[in-house]
């Protein structure tokens, strides 16, 4: 059995217990999948499993997602990314392994407990907007609150709050057919936010939009995340979108996680040829930050003005070209010098030598 690709974040600024924890998760499609899983040998590939009449939607995946983190899962069609997220919410029952939400094994929940967890903790947004055509914007957004049994006044008040949050104020009485694609997507996002979920699952929510509206929705989404600090699992097949949004990226192939890391690390150090192919067209200087290339400070810091560790190499291009110092001090957000940047290494990234 293929060893799981661990996807465990740096927890220095996070709570100890992950919000989502998946350990050695499998999802097989076929007859008696649990029995078949027990017969798998370590050398069997995705194609070997398929030859036996099974599809490995998820293969031995281990991922932790912490509070306030945005994990982007990406891969080509059929890679298993949507299947994995459906396992997280138990829209699919897993074949093997364990998935915990806030420390609770979701496979041990009965139907009532699972429904309650979804209602109280999870919001979901999918590529198809799924709006009710005969209901107004306000009524669509209030619909999950109605299903919860909230009274009309409370659900209208909450719906208006999220309408304002996503920039749809003044359109609460419109019907879906009267909205643009981007506005319809905002309704879908607002509807999922209305229940105030702790965890937000988004499955290619912007892929049906044209490029300009998609960029606008990404900006809106980043604004909302900065305000709300949700724990988010976001699916996309667009690497540029992943780079804009992700704290970490998990790249999947044939049901397995090929690599899971921060965007700049994936671009600089792809773990497999498959990941390298994903990153080959990416301009590294627009992704890699100075702090990633810096080495820890040992002894006295170099003199002169420090560079911002959070700035990309592209943003620092002029300074890197004009500055003659071999080593540049790197400062954190507080202005304290924490590392040293080798100017040649940075220029190699900027000019494409690395």
Protein backbone atom coordinates (compact mmCIF):
# COMPACT_ATOMS: atom_id res chain seq x y z
CA UNK A 1 0.00 0.00 0.00
CA UNK A 2 1.35 3.39 -0.99
CA UNK A 3 2.56 5.26 2.07
CA UNK A 4 0.48 8.27 2.98
CA UNK A 5 1.78 11.71 2.06
CA UNK A 6 1.71 13.58 5.35
CA UNK A 7 0.15 17.01 5.14
CA UNK A 8 0.81 18.48 8.56
CA UNK A 9 1.25 22.25 8.90
CA UNK A 10 3.66 24.24 10.99
CA UNK A 11 1.63 24.72 14.16
CA UNK A 12 3.66 27.50 15.76
CA UNK A 13 0.76 29.95 15.46
CA UNK A 14 -2.06 27.39 15.55
CA UNK A 15 -3.94 25.47 18.20
CA UNK A 16 -2.51 22.05 19.05
CA UNK A 17 -5.52 19.99 17.96
CA UNK A 18 -6.43 20.23 14.27
CA UNK A 19 -9.97 21.09 13.23
CA UNK A 20 -9.81 18.37 10.56
CA UNK A 21 -7.57 15.34 10.95
CA UNK A 22 -7.45 12.58 8.35
CA UNK A 23 -5.23 9.57 8.97
CA UNK A 24 -4.50 6.92 6.31
CA UNK A 25 -7.83 7.51 4.60
CA UNK A 26 -8.97 5.27 1.75
CA UNK A 27 -12.09 5.48 -0.40
CA UNK A 28 -12.52 2.56 -2.77
CA UNK A 29 -15.41 2.18 -5.18
CA UNK A 30 -16.42 -1.35 -6.10
CA UNK A 31 -17.89 -4.54 -4.64
CA UNK A 32 -16.99 -5.24 -0.98
CA UNK A 33 -14.34 -2.50 -0.82
CA UNK A 34 -13.46 -3.11 2.86
CA UNK A 35 -12.65 -6.74 2.14
CA UNK A 36 -10.60 -5.77 -0.91
CA UNK A 37 -8.67 -3.11 1.04
CA UNK A 38 -7.46 -5.78 3.47
CA UNK A 39 -5.90 -7.70 0.56
CA UNK A 40 -3.91 -4.83 -0.97
CA UNK A 41 -0.15 -5.26 -1.14
CA UNK A 42 2.35 -2.37 -0.81
CA UNK A 43 3.45 -2.44 -4.46
CA UNK A 44 -0.06 -2.14 -5.96
CA UNK A 45 -0.58 1.01 -8.02
CA UNK A 46 -3.74 2.91 -8.92
CA UNK A 47 -3.82 1.03 -12.25
CA UNK A 48 -3.35 -2.33 -10.51
CA UNK A 49 -6.33 -1.58 -8.28
CA UNK A 50 -8.40 -0.52 -11.29
CA UNK A 51 -7.48 -3.75 -13.09
CA UNK A 52 -9.09 -5.61 -10.17
CA UNK A 53 -12.36 -3.77 -10.80
CA UNK A 54 -12.00 -1.03 -8.15
CA UNK A 55 -11.43 2.71 -8.28
CA UNK A 56 -9.22 4.24 -5.60
CA UNK A 57 -10.89 7.63 -5.16
CA UNK A 58 -8.66 8.35 -2.15
CA UNK A 59 -5.45 6.42 -1.44
CA UNK A 60 -3.87 6.44 2.00
CA UNK A 61 -4.17 10.19 2.62
CA UNK A 62 -3.15 11.84 5.91
CA UNK A 63 -3.90 15.56 6.33
CA UNK A 64 -4.30 17.90 9.29
CA UNK A 65 -6.05 21.25 8.83
CA UNK A 66 -5.84 23.75 11.68
CA UNK A 67 -8.12 26.56 12.77
CA UNK A 68 -8.10 29.56 10.43
CA UNK A 69 -6.03 27.79 7.78
CA UNK A 70 -6.86 27.69 4.08
CA UNK A 71 -5.82 24.39 2.52
CA UNK A 72 -6.17 24.30 -1.26
CA UNK A 73 -6.48 20.85 -2.82
CA UNK A 74 -5.70 20.68 -6.51
CA UNK A 75 -5.14 18.20 -9.28
CA UNK A 76 -6.44 17.21 -12.68
CA UNK A 77 -9.96 15.89 -13.25
CA UNK A 78 -10.23 12.46 -11.63
CA UNK A 79 -7.34 13.03 -9.22
CA UNK A 80 -9.57 12.52 -6.16
CA UNK A 81 -9.77 16.05 -4.80
CA UNK A 82 -13.59 16.26 -4.72
CA UNK A 83 -13.85 12.73 -3.36
CA UNK A 84 -11.51 13.62 -0.50
CA UNK A 85 -13.53 16.67 0.49
CA UNK A 86 -16.74 14.63 0.34
CA UNK A 87 -15.06 12.21 2.74
CA UNK A 88 -14.26 15.10 5.09
CA UNK A 89 -17.96 15.96 5.31
CA UNK A 90 -18.99 12.29 5.16
CA UNK A 91 -20.95 12.75 1.99
CA UNK A 92 -18.89 9.63 1.21
CA UNK A 93 -18.29 6.98 3.85
CA UNK A 94 -14.59 6.09 3.86
CA UNK A 95 -13.32 2.55 3.26
CA UNK A 96 -10.42 2.74 5.69
CA UNK A 97 -8.62 5.14 8.01
CA UNK A 98 -9.97 7.80 10.37
CA UNK A 99 -11.37 11.30 9.87
CA UNK A 100 -11.92 13.49 12.93
CA UNK A 101 -13.64 16.87 13.10
CA UNK A 102 -12.69 18.72 16.29
CA UNK A 103 -11.47 15.42 17.71
CA UNK A 104 -14.69 13.52 16.92
CA UNK A 105 -14.54 10.46 14.63
CA UNK A 106 -17.21 11.26 12.04
CA UNK A 107 -17.61 7.61 11.03
CA UNK A 108 -18.91 6.89 14.54
CA UNK A 109 -21.70 9.47 14.31
CA UNK A 110 -25.26 8.28 13.84
CA UNK A 111 -27.51 10.01 11.29
CA UNK A 112 -28.76 12.55 13.83
CA UNK A 113 -25.26 13.41 15.01
CA UNK A 114 -23.97 13.75 11.46
CA UNK A 115 -26.82 16.06 10.46
CA UNK A 116 -26.22 18.16 13.55
CA UNK A 117 -22.49 18.44 12.82
CA UNK A 118 -23.15 19.54 9.24
CA UNK A 119 -25.72 22.08 10.36
CA UNK A 120 -23.61 23.54 13.15
CA UNK A 121 -20.05 23.30 11.84
CA UNK A 122 -19.93 22.98 8.05
CA UNK A 123 -20.66 25.27 5.13
CA UNK A 124 -20.40 24.01 1.55
CA UNK A 125 -20.16 25.84 -1.77
CA UNK A 126 -20.01 24.00 -5.08
CA UNK A 127 -19.33 24.91 -8.71
CA UNK A 128 -23.02 24.71 -9.55
CA UNK A 129 -24.68 27.52 -7.64
CA UNK A 130 -27.76 25.42 -6.76
CA UNK A 131 -29.98 28.45 -6.21
CA UNK A 132 -33.74 28.04 -5.94
CA UNK A 133 -35.08 29.91 -9.00
CA UNK A 134 -38.47 30.73 -7.47
CA UNK A 135 -36.94 32.34 -4.37
CA UNK A 136 -35.36 35.77 -4.03
CA UNK A 137 -31.77 36.40 -3.01
CA UNK A 138 -32.84 36.91 0.59
CA UNK A 139 -35.02 33.79 0.58
CA UNK A 140 -32.23 31.67 -0.94
CA UNK A 141 -29.77 32.82 1.70
CA UNK A 142 -32.26 32.31 4.53
CA UNK A 143 -33.20 28.82 3.30
CA UNK A 144 -30.71 26.82 5.46
CA UNK A 145 -31.83 28.83 8.50
CA UNK A 146 -35.43 27.95 7.66
CA UNK A 147 -34.39 24.27 7.57
CA UNK A 148 -32.89 24.78 11.04
CA UNK A 149 -36.24 25.98 12.28
CA UNK A 150 -35.24 29.59 13.01
CA UNK A 151 -38.12 32.05 13.13
CA UNK A 152 -38.74 34.33 10.17
CA UNK A 153 -37.50 37.52 11.82
CA UNK A 154 -34.17 36.02 12.97
CA UNK A 155 -33.40 34.36 9.66
CA UNK A 156 -34.22 37.54 7.72
CA UNK A 157 -31.93 39.55 10.00
CA UNK A 158 -29.06 37.06 9.57
CA UNK A 159 -29.62 36.87 5.80
CA UNK A 160 -29.40 40.65 5.52
CA UNK A 161 -26.13 40.63 7.49
CA UNK A 162 -24.44 38.27 5.03
CA UNK A 163 -26.02 40.03 2.03
CA UNK A 164 -24.20 43.17 3.13
CA UNK A 165 -21.05 41.16 3.87
CA UNK A 166 -20.78 39.83 0.30
CA UNK A 167 -21.75 43.13 -1.34
CA UNK A 168 -25.28 42.27 -2.51
CA UNK A 169 -27.12 44.95 -0.56
CA UNK A 170 -29.93 46.38 -2.66
CA UNK A 171 -30.41 43.08 -4.51
CA UNK A 172 -32.10 41.09 -1.75
CA UNK A 173 -35.43 41.04 -3.65
CA UNK A 174 -33.91 39.98 -6.98
CA UNK A 175 -34.46 36.48 -8.36
CA UNK A 176 -31.46 34.40 -9.52
CA UNK A 177 -32.30 34.95 -13.20
CA UNK A 178 -31.85 38.70 -12.65
CA UNK A 179 -28.27 38.32 -11.41
CA UNK A 180 -24.92 37.95 -13.17
CA UNK A 181 -22.86 34.79 -12.73
CA UNK A 182 -20.62 36.49 -10.18
CA UNK A 183 -23.61 37.76 -8.23
CA UNK A 184 -25.16 34.29 -8.22
CA UNK A 185 -21.90 32.91 -6.84
CA UNK A 186 -22.01 35.52 -4.08
CA UNK A 187 -25.49 34.29 -3.17
CA UNK A 188 -24.11 30.75 -2.89
CA UNK A 189 -21.28 31.94 -0.67
CA UNK A 190 -23.64 34.04 1.46
CA UNK A 191 -26.01 31.09 1.88
CA UNK A 192 -23.19 28.92 3.22
CA UNK A 193 -22.04 31.73 5.54
CA UNK A 194 -25.53 32.30 6.93
CA UNK A 195 -25.20 29.30 9.24
CA UNK A 196 -21.88 30.67 10.58
CA UNK A 197 -19.88 27.48 9.92
CA UNK A 198 -16.56 26.76 11.59
CA UNK A 199 -15.40 24.83 8.52
CA UNK A 200 -15.97 25.89 4.92
CA UNK A 201 -15.72 23.43 2.03
CA UNK A 202 -15.53 25.00 -1.44
CA UNK A 203 -15.41 22.75 -4.52
CA UNK A 204 -14.22 24.78 -7.55
CA UNK A 205 -16.66 27.58 -6.71
CA UNK A 206 -15.27 30.03 -9.28
CA UNK A 207 -14.47 27.73 -12.22
CA UNK A 208 -17.70 28.53 -14.11
CA UNK A 209 -17.00 32.28 -14.07
CA UNK A 210 -15.23 34.32 -16.72
CA UNK A 211 -11.67 35.47 -15.84
CA UNK A 212 -12.55 39.02 -14.75
CA UNK A 213 -15.41 37.94 -12.49
CA UNK A 214 -13.28 35.08 -11.18
CA UNK A 215 -10.52 37.48 -10.14
CA UNK A 216 -13.11 39.72 -8.50
CA UNK A 217 -14.54 36.76 -6.58
CA UNK A 218 -11.05 35.71 -5.44
CA UNK A 219 -10.49 39.22 -4.10
CA UNK A 220 -13.86 39.11 -2.36
CA UNK A 221 -13.10 35.70 -0.92
CA UNK A 222 -9.74 36.87 0.47
CA UNK A 223 -11.47 39.87 2.04
CA UNK A 224 -14.05 37.63 3.69
CA UNK A 225 -11.41 35.24 4.97
CA UNK A 226 -9.41 38.12 6.47
CA UNK A 227 -12.56 39.23 8.31
CA UNK A 228 -13.95 35.86 9.36
CA UNK A 229 -10.92 33.58 9.83
CA UNK A 230 -12.71 30.39 8.79
CA UNK A 231 -11.04 27.01 8.45
CA UNK A 232 -11.26 26.39 4.72
CA UNK A 233 -10.69 23.50 2.34
CA UNK A 234 -10.79 24.89 -1.20
CA UNK A 235 -10.67 22.75 -4.36
CA UNK A 236 -9.34 24.08 -7.64
CA UNK A 237 -7.53 22.84 -10.75
CA UNK A 238 -6.06 26.31 -11.36
CA UNK A 239 -2.55 26.67 -9.93
CA UNK A 240 -2.60 30.46 -10.16
CA UNK A 241 -5.77 30.50 -8.09
CA UNK A 242 -4.18 28.14 -5.56
CA UNK A 243 -1.14 30.39 -5.25
CA UNK A 244 -3.32 33.43 -4.58
CA UNK A 245 -5.48 31.81 -1.93
CA UNK A 246 -3.61 29.04 -0.14
CA UNK A 247 -1.76 28.85 3.14
CA UNK A 248 -0.81 25.35 1.96
CA UNK A 249 -1.43 23.40 -1.23
CA UNK A 250 -2.04 19.66 -1.50
CA UNK A 251 -1.52 18.31 -5.02
CA UNK A 252 -3.32 15.04 -5.77
CA UNK A 253 -2.83 12.38 -8.43
CA UNK A 254 -4.70 9.08 -8.74
CA UNK A 255 -6.29 9.52 -5.31
CA UNK A 256 -3.03 10.16 -3.46
CA UNK A 257 -1.37 13.35 -2.22
CA UNK A 258 1.86 13.87 -4.16
CA UNK A 259 2.98 16.86 -2.08
CA UNK A 260 1.51 19.13 0.56
CA UNK A 261 3.34 22.30 1.58
CA UNK A 262 3.37 26.06 1.46
CA UNK A 263 3.08 27.46 -2.07
CA UNK A 264 6.64 28.78 -2.25
CA UNK A 265 8.08 25.45 -1.10
CA UNK A 266 6.09 23.55 -3.72
CA UNK A 267 7.36 25.91 -6.42
CA UNK A 268 10.98 25.82 -5.23
CA UNK A 269 11.18 22.16 -4.24
CA UNK A 270 8.65 19.97 -6.09
CA UNK A 271 8.68 16.53 -4.50
CA UNK A 272 7.82 14.50 -7.63
CA UNK A 273 7.99 14.89 -11.42
CA UNK A 274 4.21 15.26 -11.42
CA UNK A 275 4.38 18.25 -9.06
CA UNK A 276 7.27 19.71 -11.08
CA UNK A 277 5.07 19.62 -14.18
CA UNK A 278 2.40 21.60 -12.34
CA UNK A 279 4.90 24.28 -11.40
CA UNK A 280 7.03 24.53 -14.56
CA UNK A 281 5.07 27.47 -16.02
CA UNK A 282 4.90 29.41 -12.76
CA UNK A 283 7.07 32.51 -12.42
CA UNK A 284 8.81 31.62 -9.17
CA UNK A 285 9.74 35.21 -8.33
CA UNK A 286 6.03 36.07 -7.97
CA UNK A 287 5.51 33.25 -5.45
CA UNK A 288 8.72 32.95 -3.42
CA UNK A 289 9.14 35.34 -0.49
CA UNK A 290 12.43 36.71 0.78
CA UNK A 291 11.91 35.05 4.16
CA UNK A 292 11.80 31.62 2.52
CA UNK A 293 15.25 32.07 0.96
CA UNK A 294 16.76 33.62 4.08
CA UNK A 295 18.99 31.72 6.47
CA UNK A 296 18.61 32.25 10.24
CA UNK A 297 20.56 35.11 11.72
CA UNK A 298 23.79 33.99 13.36
CA UNK A 299 25.79 36.72 15.03
CA UNK A 300 25.54 40.35 13.99
CA UNK A 301 23.15 41.29 11.18
CA UNK A 302 24.57 42.83 7.97
CA UNK A 303 24.38 46.60 7.92
CA UNK A 304 21.98 48.69 5.90
CA UNK A 305 18.25 48.70 5.25
CA UNK A 306 16.63 45.26 5.70
CA UNK A 307 14.31 43.70 3.15
CA UNK A 308 10.77 42.68 4.06
CA UNK A 309 10.63 38.93 4.64
CA UNK A 310 6.99 38.84 3.48
CA UNK A 311 7.78 40.52 0.14
CA UNK A 312 8.08 38.38 -2.98
CA UNK A 313 11.32 38.33 -4.92
CA UNK A 314 9.45 39.97 -7.79
CA UNK A 315 8.40 42.87 -5.55
CA UNK A 316 12.02 43.28 -4.46
CA UNK A 317 13.42 43.10 -8.01
CA UNK A 318 14.66 46.68 -8.30
CA UNK A 319 16.29 46.62 -4.87
CA UNK A 320 17.99 43.29 -5.57
CA UNK A 321 19.39 44.54 -8.88
CA UNK A 322 20.60 47.89 -7.56
CA UNK A 323 21.87 46.82 -4.11
CA UNK A 324 25.53 45.79 -4.21
CA UNK A 325 25.61 44.00 -0.84
CA UNK A 326 26.29 40.28 -1.03
CA UNK A 327 24.15 39.52 2.03
CA UNK A 328 20.97 41.42 2.90
CA UNK A 329 19.29 41.51 6.34
CA UNK A 330 15.69 40.23 6.35
CA UNK A 331 13.09 41.65 8.75
CA UNK A 332 9.85 40.16 10.03
CA UNK A 333 6.53 42.00 10.33
CA UNK A 334 7.62 43.72 13.54
CA UNK A 335 10.73 45.08 11.84
CA UNK A 336 13.13 42.81 13.74
CA UNK A 337 15.95 41.35 11.67
CA UNK A 338 15.59 37.56 11.79
CA UNK A 339 17.64 36.28 8.88
CA UNK A 340 20.06 36.91 6.04
CA UNK A 341 19.33 36.75 2.32
CA UNK A 342 22.04 35.80 -0.14
CA UNK A 343 21.55 38.29 -2.99
CA UNK A 344 22.80 35.83 -5.60
CA UNK A 345 20.24 33.20 -4.54
CA UNK A 346 17.47 35.78 -4.84
CA UNK A 347 18.69 36.90 -8.28
CA UNK A 348 18.75 33.26 -9.40
CA UNK A 349 15.04 33.01 -8.56
CA UNK A 350 14.32 36.37 -10.19
CA UNK A 351 16.16 35.58 -13.42
CA UNK A 352 15.02 32.00 -13.70
CA UNK A 353 18.26 30.23 -12.83
CA UNK A 354 16.61 28.41 -9.96
